[in-house]
PDB file of all heavy atoms in Angstrom:
ATOM      1  N   LEU A   1     -51.985 -43.792 132.677  1.00  0.00           N
ATOM      2  CA  LEU A   1     -52.435 -44.613 133.797  1.00  0.00           C
ATOM      3  C   LEU A   1     -51.598 -44.370 135.011  1.00  0.00           C
ATOM      4  O   LEU A   1     -52.075 -44.225 136.129  1.00  0.00           O
ATOM      5  CB  LEU A   1     -52.414 -46.108 133.430  1.00  0.00           C
ATOM      6  CG  LEU A   1     -53.341 -46.531 132.317  1.00  0.00           C
ATOM      7  CD1 LEU A   1     -53.159 -48.016 131.998  1.00  0.00           C
ATOM      8  CD2 LEU A   1     -54.781 -46.234 132.670  1.00  0.00           C
ATOM      9  N   SER A   2     -50.240 -44.291 134.822  1.00  0.00           N
ATOM     10  CA  SER A   2     -49.353 -44.061 135.957  1.00  0.00           C
ATOM     11  C   SER A   2     -49.603 -42.705 136.576  1.00  0.00           C
ATOM     12  O   SER A   2     -49.666 -42.547 137.807  1.00  0.00           O
ATOM     13  CB  SER A   2     -47.903 -44.132 135.434  1.00  0.00           C
ATOM     14  OG  SER A   2     -46.988 -43.915 136.488  1.00  0.00           O
ATOM     15  N   LEU A   3     -49.783 -41.689 135.741  1.00  0.00           N
ATOM     16  CA  LEU A   3     -50.051 -40.347 136.192  1.00  0.00           C
ATOM     17  C   LEU A   3     -51.391 -40.294 136.978  1.00  0.00           C
ATOM     18  O   LEU A   3     -51.456 -39.657 138.024  1.00  0.00           O
ATOM     19  CB  LEU A   3     -50.156 -39.379 134.955  1.00  0.00           C
ATOM     20  CG  LEU A   3     -50.518 -37.919 135.142  1.00  0.00           C
ATOM     21  CD1 LEU A   3     -49.950 -37.140 133.987  1.00  0.00           C
ATOM     22  CD2 LEU A   3     -52.021 -37.714 135.243  1.00  0.00           C
ATOM     23  N   ALA A   4     -52.413 -40.974 136.440  1.00  0.00           N
ATOM     24  CA  ALA A   4     -53.744 -40.928 137.123  1.00  0.00           C
ATOM     25  C   ALA A   4     -53.632 -41.559 138.527  1.00  0.00           C
ATOM     26  O   ALA A   4     -54.159 -41.010 139.487  1.00  0.00           O
ATOM     27  CB  ALA A   4     -54.759 -41.681 136.288  1.00  0.00           C
ATOM     28  N   ALA A   5     -52.945 -42.712 138.600  1.00  0.00           N
ATOM     29  CA  ALA A   5     -52.760 -43.340 139.912  1.00  0.00           C
ATOM     30  C   ALA A   5     -51.942 -42.462 140.860  1.00  0.00           C
ATOM     31  O   ALA A   5     -52.342 -42.317 142.017  1.00  0.00           O
ATOM     32  CB  ALA A   5     -52.064 -44.689 139.726  1.00  0.00           C
ATOM     33  N   ALA A   6     -50.898 -41.805 140.360  1.00  0.00           N
ATOM     34  CA  ALA A   6     -50.074 -40.961 141.181  1.00  0.00           C
ATOM     35  C   ALA A   6     -50.846 -39.757 141.688  1.00  0.00           C
ATOM     36  O   ALA A   6     -50.567 -39.198 142.799  1.00  0.00           O
ATOM     37  CB  ALA A   6     -48.828 -40.514 140.401  1.00  0.00           C
ATOM     38  N   ALA A   7     -51.855 -39.292 140.916  1.00  0.00           N
ATOM     39  CA  ALA A   7     -52.626 -38.127 141.287  1.00  0.00           C
ATOM     40  C   ALA A   7     -53.640 -38.442 142.405  1.00  0.00           C
ATOM     41  O   ALA A   7     -54.183 -37.510 143.001  1.00  0.00           O
ATOM     42  CB  ALA A   7     -53.398 -37.617 140.063  1.00  0.00           C
ATOM     43  N   LYS A   8     -53.808 -39.697 142.733  1.00  0.00           N
ATOM     44  CA  LYS A   8     -54.760 -40.082 143.788  1.00  0.00           C
ATOM     45  C   LYS A   8     -54.052 -41.023 144.765  1.00  0.00           C
ATOM     46  O   LYS A   8     -54.345 -42.222 144.832  1.00  0.00           O
ATOM     47  CB  LYS A   8     -55.968 -40.855 143.147  1.00  0.00           C
ATOM     48  CG  LYS A   8     -56.705 -40.068 142.038  1.00  0.00           C
ATOM     49  CD  LYS A   8     -57.501 -38.900 142.610  1.00  0.00           C
ATOM     50  CE  LYS A   8     -58.306 -38.187 141.565  1.00  0.00           C
ATOM     51  NZ  LYS A   8     -59.155 -37.126 142.118  1.00  0.00           N
ATOM     52  N   PRO A   9     -53.121 -40.460 145.530  1.00  0.00           N
ATOM     53  CA  PRO A   9     -52.214 -41.283 146.369  1.00  0.00           C
ATOM     54  C   PRO A   9     -52.860 -42.045 147.501  1.00  0.00           C
ATOM     55  O   PRO A   9     -52.237 -42.922 148.102  1.00  0.00           O
ATOM     56  CB  PRO A   9     -51.171 -40.300 146.879  1.00  0.00           C
ATOM     57  CG  PRO A   9     -51.881 -38.988 146.811  1.00  0.00           C
ATOM     58  CD  PRO A   9     -52.803 -39.038 145.636  1.00  0.00           C
ATOM     59  N   HIS A  10     -54.128 -41.721 147.834  1.00  0.00           N
ATOM     60  CA  HIS A  10     -54.812 -42.405 148.939  1.00  0.00           C
ATOM     61  C   HIS A  10     -56.085 -43.081 148.439  1.00  0.00           C
ATOM     62  O   HIS A  10     -56.894 -43.543 149.260  1.00  0.00           O
ATOM     63  CB  HIS A  10     -55.137 -41.473 150.075  1.00  0.00           C
ATOM     64  CG  HIS A  10     -53.927 -40.793 150.628  1.00  0.00           C
ATOM     65  ND1 HIS A  10     -53.010 -41.445 151.410  1.00  0.00           N
ATOM     66  CD2 HIS A  10     -53.449 -39.556 150.449  1.00  0.00           C
ATOM     67  CE1 HIS A  10     -51.999 -40.622 151.718  1.00  0.00           C
ATOM     68  NE2 HIS A  10     -52.258 -39.466 151.144  1.00  0.00           N
ATOM     69  N   GLY A  11     -56.252 -43.170 147.115  1.00  0.00           N
ATOM     70  CA  GLY A  11     -57.518 -43.635 146.601  1.00  0.00           C
ATOM     71  C   GLY A  11     -57.528 -45.121 146.272  1.00  0.00           C
ATOM     72  O   GLY A  11     -56.502 -45.816 146.291  1.00  0.00           O
ATOM     73  N   VAL A  12     -58.700 -45.594 145.965  1.00  0.00           N
ATOM     74  CA  VAL A  12     -58.860 -46.973 145.402  1.00  0.00           C
ATOM     75  C   VAL A  12     -58.824 -46.853 143.873  1.00  0.00           C
ATOM     76  O   VAL A  12     -59.626 -46.163 143.284  1.00  0.00           O
ATOM     77  CB  VAL A  12     -60.186 -47.633 145.837  1.00  0.00           C
ATOM     78  CG1 VAL A  12     -60.284 -49.037 145.263  1.00  0.00           C
ATOM     79  CG2 VAL A  12     -60.292 -47.665 147.381  1.00  0.00           C
ATOM     80  N   ILE A  13     -57.829 -47.514 143.303  1.00  0.00           N
ATOM     81  CA  ILE A  13     -57.614 -47.519 141.851  1.00  0.00           C
ATOM     82  C   ILE A  13     -58.172 -48.872 141.339  1.00  0.00           C
ATOM     83  O   ILE A  13     -57.803 -49.899 141.865  1.00  0.00           O
ATOM     84  CB  ILE A  13     -56.080 -47.401 141.526  1.00  0.00           C
ATOM     85  CG1 ILE A  13     -55.396 -46.344 142.416  1.00  0.00           C
ATOM     86  CG2 ILE A  13     -55.862 -47.211 140.025  1.00  0.00           C
ATOM     87  CD1 ILE A  13     -55.843 -44.935 142.225  1.00  0.00           C
ATOM     88  N   ALA A  14     -58.974 -48.817 140.296  1.00  0.00           N
ATOM     89  CA  ALA A  14     -59.574 -50.057 139.796  1.00  0.00           C
ATOM     90  C   ALA A  14     -59.299 -50.231 138.309  1.00  0.00           C
ATOM     91  O   ALA A  14     -59.125 -49.259 137.569  1.00  0.00           O
ATOM     92  CB  ALA A  14     -61.083 -50.028 140.043  1.00  0.00           C
ATOM     93  N   GLU A  15     -59.283 -51.513 137.933  1.00  0.00           N
ATOM     94  CA  GLU A  15     -59.122 -51.876 136.496  1.00  0.00           C
ATOM     95  C   GLU A  15     -60.077 -52.982 136.169  1.00  0.00           C
ATOM     96  O   GLU A  15     -60.085 -54.010 136.879  1.00  0.00           O
ATOM     97  CB  GLU A  15     -57.708 -52.300 136.271  1.00  0.00           C
ATOM     98  CG  GLU A  15     -57.437 -52.772 134.800  1.00  0.00           C
ATOM     99  CD  GLU A  15     -56.043 -53.320 134.603  1.00  0.00           C
ATOM    100  OE1 GLU A  15     -55.536 -54.014 135.496  1.00  0.00           O
ATOM    101  OE2 GLU A  15     -55.454 -53.073 133.550  1.00  0.00           O
ATOM    102  N   SER A  16     -60.789 -52.842 135.115  1.00  0.00           N
ATOM    103  CA  SER A  16     -61.669 -53.909 134.576  1.00  0.00           C
ATOM    104  C   SER A  16     -60.956 -54.450 133.365  1.00  0.00           C
ATOM    105  O   SER A  16     -60.747 -53.714 132.396  1.00  0.00           O
ATOM    106  CB  SER A  16     -63.028 -53.343 134.222  1.00  0.00           C
ATOM    107  OG  SER A  16     -63.726 -54.293 133.437  1.00  0.00           O
ATOM    108  N   GLY A  17     -60.569 -55.730 133.372  1.00  0.00           N
ATOM    109  CA  GLY A  17     -59.881 -56.352 132.246  1.00  0.00           C
ATOM    110  C   GLY A  17     -58.372 -56.362 132.451  1.00  0.00           C
ATOM    111  O   GLY A  17     -57.635 -55.620 131.791  1.00  0.00           O
ATOM    112  N   THR A  18     -57.902 -57.168 133.409  1.00  0.00           N
ATOM    113  CA  THR A  18     -56.476 -57.241 133.721  1.00  0.00           C
ATOM    114  C   THR A  18     -55.661 -57.659 132.487  1.00  0.00           C
ATOM    115  O   THR A  18     -54.579 -57.117 132.220  1.00  0.00           O
ATOM    116  CB  THR A  18     -56.204 -58.264 134.851  1.00  0.00           C
ATOM    117  OG1 THR A  18     -57.185 -58.083 135.888  1.00  0.00           O
ATOM    118  CG2 THR A  18     -54.791 -58.152 135.360  1.00  0.00           C
ATOM    119  N   GLY A  19     -56.193 -58.662 131.762  1.00  0.00           N
ATOM    120  CA  GLY A  19     -55.465 -59.190 130.586  1.00  0.00           C
ATOM    121  C   GLY A  19     -54.102 -59.708 131.024  1.00  0.00           C
ATOM    122  O   GLY A  19     -53.962 -60.391 132.062  1.00  0.00           O
ATOM    123  N   SER A  20     -53.057 -59.362 130.282  1.00  0.00           N
ATOM    124  CA  SER A  20     -51.726 -59.813 130.638  1.00  0.00           C
ATOM    125  C   SER A  20     -51.071 -58.983 131.703  1.00  0.00           C
ATOM    126  O   SER A  20     -49.937 -59.213 132.101  1.00  0.00           O
ATOM    127  CB  SER A  20     -50.845 -59.802 129.345  1.00  0.00           C
ATOM    128  OG  SER A  20     -50.776 -58.499 128.832  1.00  0.00           O
ATOM    129  N   GLY A  21     -51.773 -57.970 132.200  1.00  0.00           N
ATOM    130  CA  GLY A  21     -51.274 -57.155 133.351  1.00  0.00           C
ATOM    131  C   GLY A  21     -50.482 -55.963 132.986  1.00  0.00           C
ATOM    132  O   GLY A  21     -49.897 -55.296 133.852  1.00  0.00           O
ATOM    133  N   VAL A  22     -50.432 -55.562 131.710  1.00  0.00           N
ATOM    134  CA  VAL A  22     -49.667 -54.391 131.261  1.00  0.00           C
ATOM    135  C   VAL A  22     -50.232 -53.116 131.896  1.00  0.00           C
ATOM    136  O   VAL A  22     -49.531 -52.314 132.497  1.00  0.00           O
ATOM    137  CB  VAL A  22     -49.567 -54.298 129.737  1.00  0.00           C
ATOM    138  CG1 VAL A  22     -48.907 -52.995 129.349  1.00  0.00           C
ATOM    139  CG2 VAL A  22     -48.862 -55.498 129.193  1.00  0.00           C
ATOM    140  N   GLY A  23     -51.557 -52.944 131.776  1.00  0.00           N
ATOM    141  CA  GLY A  23     -52.188 -51.742 132.360  1.00  0.00           C
ATOM    142  C   GLY A  23     -52.103 -51.761 133.870  1.00  0.00           C
ATOM    143  O   GLY A  23     -51.836 -50.743 134.457  1.00  0.00           O
ATOM    144  N   THR A  24     -52.213 -52.950 134.431  1.00  0.00           N
ATOM    145  CA  THR A  24     -52.055 -53.125 135.901  1.00  0.00           C
ATOM    146  C   THR A  24     -50.663 -52.630 136.346  1.00  0.00           C
ATOM    147  O   THR A  24     -50.544 -51.913 137.362  1.00  0.00           O
ATOM    148  CB  THR A  24     -52.249 -54.574 136.320  1.00  0.00           C
ATOM    149  OG1 THR A  24     -53.326 -55.149 135.596  1.00  0.00           O
ATOM    150  CG2 THR A  24     -52.495 -54.694 137.816  1.00  0.00           C
ATOM    151  N   ALA A  25     -49.621 -53.009 135.602  1.00  0.00           N
ATOM    152  CA  ALA A  25     -48.272 -52.622 135.919  1.00  0.00           C
ATOM    153  C   ALA A  25     -48.099 -51.123 135.836  1.00  0.00           C
ATOM    154  O   ALA A  25     -47.437 -50.485 136.711  1.00  0.00           O
ATOM    155  CB  ALA A  25     -47.275 -53.342 135.021  1.00  0.00           C
ATOM    156  N   TRP A  26     -48.685 -50.510 134.817  1.00  0.00           N
ATOM    157  CA  TRP A  26     -48.590 -49.024 134.698  1.00  0.00           C
ATOM    158  C   TRP A  26     -49.313 -48.368 135.857  1.00  0.00           C
ATOM    159  O   TRP A  26     -48.786 -47.379 136.449  1.00  0.00           O
ATOM    160  CB  TRP A  26     -49.188 -48.569 133.408  1.00  0.00           C
ATOM    161  CG  TRP A  26     -48.213 -48.660 132.223  1.00  0.00           C
ATOM    162  CD1 TRP A  26     -48.241 -49.593 131.215  1.00  0.00           C
ATOM    163  CD2 TRP A  26     -47.083 -47.829 131.967  1.00  0.00           C
ATOM    164  NE1 TRP A  26     -47.208 -49.334 130.346  1.00  0.00           N
ATOM    165  CE2 TRP A  26     -46.508 -48.280 130.780  1.00  0.00           C
ATOM    166  CE3 TRP A  26     -46.545 -46.702 132.644  1.00  0.00           C
ATOM    167  CZ2 TRP A  26     -45.349 -47.656 130.208  1.00  0.00           C
ATOM    168  CZ3 TRP A  26     -45.425 -46.090 132.096  1.00  0.00           C
ATOM    169  CH2 TRP A  26     -44.846 -46.581 130.917  1.00  0.00           C
ATOM    170  N   LEU A  27     -50.526 -48.833 136.215  1.00  0.00           N
ATOM    171  CA  LEU A  27     -51.235 -48.273 137.347  1.00  0.00           C
ATOM    172  C   LEU A  27     -50.403 -48.436 138.648  1.00  0.00           C
ATOM    173  O   LEU A  27     -50.248 -47.514 139.443  1.00  0.00           O
ATOM    174  CB  LEU A  27     -52.590 -48.934 137.546  1.00  0.00           C
ATOM    175  CG  LEU A  27     -53.647 -48.582 136.470  1.00  0.00           C
ATOM    176  CD1 LEU A  27     -54.823 -49.564 136.544  1.00  0.00           C
ATOM    177  CD2 LEU A  27     -54.144 -47.145 136.662  1.00  0.00           C
ATOM    178  N   HIS A  28     -49.802 -49.626 138.785  1.00  0.00           N
ATOM    179  CA  HIS A  28     -49.001 -49.939 139.945  1.00  0.00           C
ATOM    180  C   HIS A  28     -47.761 -49.006 140.045  1.00  0.00           C
ATOM    181  O   HIS A  28     -47.387 -48.630 141.179  1.00  0.00           O
ATOM    182  CB  HIS A  28     -48.543 -51.420 139.895  1.00  0.00           C
ATOM    183  CG  HIS A  28     -47.813 -51.857 141.105  1.00  0.00           C
ATOM    184  ND1 HIS A  28     -46.444 -52.004 141.078  1.00  0.00           N
ATOM    185  CD2 HIS A  28     -48.257 -52.202 142.305  1.00  0.00           C
ATOM    186  CE1 HIS A  28     -46.056 -52.428 142.317  1.00  0.00           C
ATOM    187  NE2 HIS A  28     -47.142 -52.569 143.059  1.00  0.00           N
ATOM    188  N   SER A  29     -47.213 -48.664 138.914  1.00  0.00           N
ATOM    189  CA  SER A  29     -46.037 -47.786 138.905  1.00  0.00           C
ATOM    190  C   SER A  29     -46.276 -46.407 139.478  1.00  0.00           C
ATOM    191  O   SER A  29     -45.370 -45.744 139.951  1.00  0.00           O
ATOM    192  CB  SER A  29     -45.459 -47.652 137.470  1.00  0.00           C
ATOM    193  OG  SER A  29     -46.271 -46.822 136.686  1.00  0.00           O
ATOM    194  N   GLY A  30     -47.562 -45.970 139.500  1.00  0.00           N
ATOM    195  CA  GLY A  30     -47.925 -44.656 140.066  1.00  0.00           C
ATOM    196  C   GLY A  30     -48.640 -44.778 141.394  1.00  0.00           C
ATOM    197  O   GLY A  30     -49.044 -43.756 141.986  1.00  0.00           O
ATOM    198  N   LEU A  31     -48.729 -45.996 141.904  1.00  0.00           N
ATOM    199  CA  LEU A  31     -49.565 -46.275 143.108  1.00  0.00           C
ATOM    200  C   LEU A  31     -48.936 -45.670 144.363  1.00  0.00           C
ATOM    201  O   LEU A  31     -47.796 -45.975 144.677  1.00  0.00           O
ATOM    202  CB  LEU A  31     -49.758 -47.769 143.268  1.00  0.00           C
ATOM    203  CG  LEU A  31     -50.904 -48.249 144.160  1.00  0.00           C
ATOM    204  CD1 LEU A  31     -52.253 -47.852 143.579  1.00  0.00           C
ATOM    205  CD2 LEU A  31     -50.821 -49.780 144.334  1.00  0.00           C
ATOM    206  N   GLY A  32     -49.730 -44.828 145.050  1.00  0.00           N
ATOM    207  CA  GLY A  32     -49.230 -44.211 146.304  1.00  0.00           C
ATOM    208  C   GLY A  32     -49.193 -45.236 147.429  1.00  0.00           C
ATOM    209  O   GLY A  32     -49.856 -46.286 147.397  1.00  0.00           O
ATOM    210  N   ALA A  33     -48.416 -44.900 148.444  1.00  0.00           N
ATOM    211  CA  ALA A  33     -48.279 -45.823 149.605  1.00  0.00           C
ATOM    212  C   ALA A  33     -49.600 -46.031 150.314  1.00  0.00           C
ATOM    213  O   ALA A  33     -49.837 -47.123 150.867  1.00  0.00           O
ATOM    214  CB  ALA A  33     -47.272 -45.228 150.610  1.00  0.00           C
ATOM    215  N   GLY A  34     -50.492 -45.059 150.254  1.00  0.00           N
ATOM    216  CA  GLY A  34     -51.769 -45.148 150.925  1.00  0.00           C
ATOM    217  C   GLY A  34     -52.915 -45.581 149.974  1.00  0.00           C
ATOM    218  O   GLY A  34     -54.067 -45.575 150.368  1.00  0.00           O
ATOM    219  N   ALA A  35     -52.546 -45.987 148.761  1.00  0.00           N
ATOM    220  CA  ALA A  35     -53.575 -46.345 147.772  1.00  0.00           C
ATOM    221  C   ALA A  35     -53.765 -47.851 147.688  1.00  0.00           C
ATOM    222  O   ALA A  35     -52.970 -48.626 148.241  1.00  0.00           O
ATOM    223  CB  ALA A  35     -53.205 -45.788 146.390  1.00  0.00           C
ATOM    224  N   ARG A  36     -54.834 -48.238 147.045  1.00  0.00           N
ATOM    225  CA  ARG A  36     -55.167 -49.633 146.838  1.00  0.00           C
ATOM    226  C   ARG A  36     -55.428 -49.839 145.365  1.00  0.00           C
ATOM    227  O   ARG A  36     -56.058 -48.987 144.708  1.00  0.00           O
ATOM    228  CB  ARG A  36     -56.401 -49.895 147.673  1.00  0.00           C
ATOM    229  CG  ARG A  36     -56.922 -51.257 147.669  1.00  0.00           C
ATOM    230  CD  ARG A  36     -56.724 -51.883 149.053  1.00  0.00           C
ATOM    231  NE  ARG A  36     -56.863 -53.332 148.872  1.00  0.00           N
ATOM    232  CZ  ARG A  36     -57.976 -53.994 149.062  1.00  0.00           C
ATOM    233  NH1 ARG A  36     -59.044 -53.424 149.533  1.00  0.00           N
ATOM    234  NH2 ARG A  36     -57.972 -55.306 148.809  1.00  0.00           N
ATOM    235  N   LEU A  37     -54.990 -50.929 144.784  1.00  0.00           N
ATOM    236  CA  LEU A  37     -55.239 -51.265 143.383  1.00  0.00           C
ATOM    237  C   LEU A  37     -55.986 -52.591 143.310  1.00  0.00           C
ATOM    238  O   LEU A  37     -55.527 -53.598 143.848  1.00  0.00           O
ATOM    239  CB  LEU A  37     -53.936 -51.347 142.597  1.00  0.00           C
ATOM    240  CG  LEU A  37     -53.959 -51.879 141.177  1.00  0.00           C
ATOM    241  CD1 LEU A  37     -54.885 -51.047 140.293  1.00  0.00           C
ATOM    242  CD2 LEU A  37     -52.568 -51.855 140.572  1.00  0.00           C
ATOM    243  N   VAL A  38     -57.146 -52.592 142.687  1.00  0.00           N
ATOM    244  CA  VAL A  38     -57.958 -53.799 142.506  1.00  0.00           C
ATOM    245  C   VAL A  38     -58.271 -53.955 141.014  1.00  0.00           C
ATOM    246  O   VAL A  38     -58.685 -53.014 140.369  1.00  0.00           O
ATOM    247  CB  VAL A  38     -59.221 -53.806 143.399  1.00  0.00           C
ATOM    248  CG1 VAL A  38     -60.083 -52.594 143.115  1.00  0.00           C
ATOM    249  CG2 VAL A  38     -60.008 -55.069 143.226  1.00  0.00           C
ATOM    250  N   THR A  39     -57.940 -55.142 140.515  1.00  0.00           N
ATOM    251  CA  THR A  39     -58.159 -55.400 139.062  1.00  0.00           C
ATOM    252  C   THR A  39     -58.911 -56.731 138.966  1.00  0.00           C
ATOM    253  O   THR A  39     -58.751 -57.633 139.823  1.00  0.00           O
ATOM    254  CB  THR A  39     -56.800 -55.444 138.321  1.00  0.00           C
ATOM    255  OG1 THR A  39     -57.056 -55.694 136.912  1.00  0.00           O
ATOM    256  CG2 THR A  39     -55.846 -56.457 138.892  1.00  0.00           C
TER     257      THR A  39
END
C-alpha cells in the first residue's frame, strides 16, 4: 500500500473500508505532497 501510494505522488488515493485505520496509515506513509487520500 505504501509503495502504491508513493508511485502516484500527485494522484487521488482511495480506500474502501477504513476499519481501525491500519491500511489508511500505510497508504498515508507513502502519500506524496501533491496527493490526496480519501477513505
